[in-house]
Amino acid sequence: MSQHSDADELEQAIIERIRQLGVAADPAFLVELIDSYTPLFEKHQASLVSSLEKRDRNKIHYAAHAIKGASLNIGAGNLADAARALEQQSETGSFETIATLLQELEHQMDRARGALRDVKTKMTTQ
């Protein structure tokens, strides 16, 4: 599957989730909702990086769990999967494995942020 079709698939999943939540008809709330995710992701991403440096498994677990929940809320399944893997490894995995999973999570987070930006544009200009 190409990266372009992956992005389209992610956008469609987010749009579907927005429709399920019933907020597609309220552009102002939709913008507020979408705009709330980027700072949330960035806060937890920073926490993950800091917690990995400190080797703090509890904080890694907490931040990964929070990202997983937020990702599921917006329909970003691949990001939720990456967060779930990181959450699980935070309990017993090596810090090298956690660092590798954090890289994947950051990649998926970048994709989700881009898709959210594109969805916001599409949903508010219709």
C-alpha atoms as a PDB file:
ATOM      1  CA  MET A   1       0.000   0.000   0.000  1.00  0.00           C
ATOM      2  CA  SER A   2       1.416   3.399  -0.886  1.00  0.00           C
ATOM      3  CA  GLN A   3       1.966   6.108   1.681  1.00  0.00           C
ATOM      4  CA  HIS A   4      -0.640   8.275  -0.084  1.00  0.00           C
ATOM      5  CA  SER A   5      -3.354   5.667   0.206  1.00  0.00           C
ATOM      6  CA  ASP A   6      -2.333   5.076   3.851  1.00  0.00           C
ATOM      7  CA  ALA A   7      -2.876   8.776   4.493  1.00  0.00           C
ATOM      8  CA  ASP A   8      -6.240   8.680   2.731  1.00  0.00           C
ATOM      9  CA  GLU A   9      -7.231   5.623   4.759  1.00  0.00           C
ATOM     10  CA  LEU A  10      -6.281   7.370   8.005  1.00  0.00           C
ATOM     11  CA  GLU A  11      -8.217  10.491   6.998  1.00  0.00           C
ATOM     12  CA  GLN A  12     -11.268   8.381   6.189  1.00  0.00           C
ATOM     13  CA  ALA A  13     -11.039   6.607   9.552  1.00  0.00           C
ATOM     14  CA  ILE A  14     -10.870   9.971  11.333  1.00  0.00           C
ATOM     15  CA  ILE A  15     -13.792  11.358   9.315  1.00  0.00           C
ATOM     16  CA  GLU A  16     -15.819   8.247  10.106  1.00  0.00           C
ATOM     17  CA  ARG A  17     -15.039   8.618  13.808  1.00  0.00           C
ATOM     18  CA  ILE A  18     -16.050  12.301  13.697  1.00  0.00           C
ATOM     19  CA  ARG A  19     -19.341  11.290  12.132  1.00  0.00           C
ATOM     20  CA  GLN A  20     -19.858   8.627  14.818  1.00  0.00           C
ATOM     21  CA  LEU A  21     -19.290  11.265  17.468  1.00  0.00           C
ATOM     22  CA  GLY A  22     -21.903  13.467  15.790  1.00  0.00           C
ATOM     23  CA  VAL A  23     -19.700  16.543  15.588  1.00  0.00           C
ATOM     24  CA  ALA A  24     -19.324  16.790  11.797  1.00  0.00           C
ATOM     25  CA  ALA A  25     -22.251  19.230  11.614  1.00  0.00           C
ATOM     26  CA  ASP A  26     -20.641  21.688  14.049  1.00  0.00           C
ATOM     27  CA  PRO A  27     -17.524  23.116  12.332  1.00  0.00           C
ATOM     28  CA  ALA A  28     -16.497  25.305  15.293  1.00  0.00           C
ATOM     29  CA  PHE A  29     -16.603  22.379  17.715  1.00  0.00           C
ATOM     30  CA  LEU A  30     -14.885  20.143  15.174  1.00  0.00           C
ATOM     31  CA  VAL A  31     -11.982  22.595  14.869  1.00  0.00           C
ATOM     32  CA  GLU A  32     -11.764  22.831  18.663  1.00  0.00           C
ATOM     33  CA  LEU A  33     -11.809  19.051  18.972  1.00  0.00           C
ATOM     34  CA  ILE A  34      -9.127  18.478  16.333  1.00  0.00           C
ATOM     35  CA  ASP A  35      -6.975  21.321  17.640  1.00  0.00           C
ATOM     36  CA  SER A  36      -7.053  19.799  21.124  1.00  0.00           C
ATOM     37  CA  TYR A  37      -5.272  16.638  19.968  1.00  0.00           C
ATOM     38  CA  THR A  38      -1.988  18.123  18.743  1.00  0.00           C
ATOM     39  CA  PRO A  39      -1.011  19.694  22.100  1.00  0.00           C
ATOM     40  CA  LEU A  40      -2.165  16.536  23.881  1.00  0.00           C
ATOM     41  CA  PHE A  41       0.017  14.356  21.658  1.00  0.00           C
ATOM     42  CA  GLU A  42       2.975  16.724  21.985  1.00  0.00           C
ATOM     43  CA  LYS A  43       2.685  16.825  25.784  1.00  0.00           C
ATOM     44  CA  HIS A  44       2.656  13.043  26.073  1.00  0.00           C
ATOM     45  CA  GLN A  45       5.367  12.631  23.442  1.00  0.00           C
ATOM     46  CA  ALA A  46       7.639  14.961  25.439  1.00  0.00           C
ATOM     47  CA  SER A  47       6.788  12.996  28.575  1.00  0.00           C
ATOM     48  CA  LEU A  48       7.708   9.743  26.837  1.00  0.00           C
ATOM     49  CA  VAL A  49      11.080  11.072  25.706  1.00  0.00           C
ATOM     50  CA  SER A  50      11.857  12.453  29.171  1.00  0.00           C
ATOM     51  CA  SER A  51      10.623   9.297  30.902  1.00  0.00           C
ATOM     52  CA  LEU A  52      12.719   7.088  28.632  1.00  0.00           C
ATOM     53  CA  GLU A  53      15.812   9.153  29.457  1.00  0.00           C
ATOM     54  CA  LYS A  54      15.000   8.737  33.174  1.00  0.00           C
ATOM     55  CA  ARG A  55      14.066   5.072  32.686  1.00  0.00           C
ATOM     56  CA  ASP A  56      10.720   5.720  34.399  1.00  0.00           C
ATOM     57  CA  ARG A  57       8.493   2.820  33.383  1.00  0.00           C
ATOM     58  CA  ASN A  58       5.420   4.172  35.202  1.00  0.00           C
ATOM     59  CA  LYS A  59       5.455   7.476  33.334  1.00  0.00           C
ATOM     60  CA  ILE A  60       6.110   5.717  30.022  1.00  0.00           C
ATOM     61  CA  HIS A  61       3.114   3.499  30.701  1.00  0.00           C
ATOM     62  CA  TYR A  62       0.902   6.451  31.650  1.00  0.00           C
ATOM     63  CA  ALA A  63       1.812   8.552  28.590  1.00  0.00           C
ATOM     64  CA  ALA A  64       1.456   5.614  26.182  1.00  0.00           C
ATOM     65  CA  HIS A  65      -1.926   4.762  27.711  1.00  0.00           C
ATOM     66  CA  ALA A  66      -3.118   8.364  27.314  1.00  0.00           C
ATOM     67  CA  ILE A  67      -1.999   8.455  23.665  1.00  0.00           C
ATOM     68  CA  LYS A  68      -3.720   5.123  23.029  1.00  0.00           C
ATOM     69  CA  GLY A  69      -7.017   6.423  24.389  1.00  0.00           C
ATOM     70  CA  ALA A  70      -6.860   9.698  22.486  1.00  0.00           C
ATOM     71  CA  SER A  71      -5.945   7.844  19.298  1.00  0.00           C
ATOM     72  CA  LEU A  72      -8.903   5.510  19.619  1.00  0.00           C
ATOM     73  CA  ASN A  73     -11.158   8.520  20.213  1.00  0.00           C
ATOM     74  CA  ILE A  74     -10.194  10.014  16.860  1.00  0.00           C
ATOM     75  CA  GLY A  75     -10.011   6.797  14.845  1.00  0.00           C
ATOM     76  CA  ALA A  76      -6.211   6.690  14.471  1.00  0.00           C
ATOM     77  CA  GLY A  77      -5.877   2.917  14.810  1.00  0.00           C
ATOM     78  CA  ASN A  78      -2.212   2.600  13.826  1.00  0.00           C
ATOM     79  CA  LEU A  79      -1.250   5.230  16.384  1.00  0.00           C
ATOM     80  CA  ALA A  80      -3.320   3.434  19.023  1.00  0.00           C
ATOM     81  CA  ASP A  81      -1.585   0.157  18.126  1.00  0.00           C
ATOM     82  CA  ALA A  82       1.860   1.777  18.439  1.00  0.00           C
ATOM     83  CA  ALA A  83       0.879   3.276  21.800  1.00  0.00           C
ATOM     84  CA  ARG A  84      -0.509  -0.086  22.980  1.00  0.00           C
ATOM     85  CA  ALA A  85       2.768  -1.832  22.082  1.00  0.00           C
ATOM     86  CA  LEU A  86       4.742   0.823  23.945  1.00  0.00           C
ATOM     87  CA  GLU A  87       2.390   0.603  26.917  1.00  0.00           C
ATOM     88  CA  GLN A  88       2.862  -3.181  27.093  1.00  0.00           C
ATOM     89  CA  GLN A  89       6.647  -2.997  26.750  1.00  0.00           C
ATOM     90  CA  SER A  90       6.852  -0.348  29.458  1.00  0.00           C
ATOM     91  CA  GLU A  91       6.051  -3.023  32.021  1.00  0.00           C
ATOM     92  CA  THR A  92       8.781  -5.546  31.273  1.00  0.00           C
ATOM     93  CA  GLY A  93      10.514  -4.725  27.993  1.00  0.00           C
ATOM     94  CA  SER A  94      14.064  -3.551  27.575  1.00  0.00           C
ATOM     95  CA  PHE A  95      14.630   0.172  27.265  1.00  0.00           C
ATOM     96  CA  GLU A  96      16.163  -0.462  23.831  1.00  0.00           C
ATOM     97  CA  THR A  97      12.872  -2.037  22.721  1.00  0.00           C
ATOM     98  CA  ILE A  98      10.949   0.837  24.266  1.00  0.00           C
ATOM     99  CA  ALA A  99      13.147   3.342  22.389  1.00  0.00           C
ATOM    100  CA  THR A 100      12.462   1.534  19.092  1.00  0.00           C
ATOM    101  CA  LEU A 101       8.720   1.493  19.784  1.00  0.00           C
ATOM    102  CA  LEU A 102       8.841   5.178  20.676  1.00  0.00           C
ATOM    103  CA  GLN A 103      10.266   5.904  17.219  1.00  0.00           C
ATOM    104  CA  GLU A 104       7.351   4.043  15.617  1.00  0.00           C
ATOM    105  CA  LEU A 105       4.895   5.871  17.845  1.00  0.00           C
ATOM    106  CA  GLU A 106       6.407   9.223  16.825  1.00  0.00           C
ATOM    107  CA  HIS A 107       6.108   8.252  13.151  1.00  0.00           C
ATOM    108  CA  GLN A 108       2.442   7.313  13.611  1.00  0.00           C
ATOM    109  CA  MET A 109       1.849  10.494  15.601  1.00  0.00           C
ATOM    110  CA  ASP A 110       3.244  12.597  12.751  1.00  0.00           C
ATOM    111  CA  ARG A 111       0.902  10.808  10.348  1.00  0.00           C
ATOM    112  CA  ALA A 112      -2.072  11.384  12.654  1.00  0.00           C
ATOM    113  CA  ARG A 113      -1.260  15.080  13.055  1.00  0.00           C
ATOM    114  CA  GLY A 114      -1.061  15.479   9.272  1.00  0.00           C
ATOM    115  CA  ALA A 115      -4.320  13.601   8.772  1.00  0.00           C
ATOM    116  CA  LEU A 116      -6.058  15.677  11.440  1.00  0.00           C
ATOM    117  CA  ARG A 117      -4.848  18.856   9.749  1.00  0.00           C
ATOM    118  CA  ASP A 118      -6.153  17.620   6.387  1.00  0.00           C
ATOM    119  CA  VAL A 119      -9.469  16.473   7.864  1.00  0.00           C
ATOM    120  CA  LYS A 120      -9.943  19.827   9.569  1.00  0.00           C
ATOM    121  CA  THR A 121      -9.394  21.579   6.237  1.00  0.00           C
ATOM    122  CA  LYS A 122     -11.760  19.262   4.370  1.00  0.00           C
ATOM    123  CA  MET A 123     -14.512  19.282   6.991  1.00  0.00           C
ATOM    124  CA  THR A 124     -14.516  23.041   7.512  1.00  0.00           C
ATOM    125  CA  THR A 125     -14.429  24.091   3.849  1.00  0.00           C
ATOM    126  CA  GLN A 126     -17.385  22.040   2.675  1.00  0.00           C
END
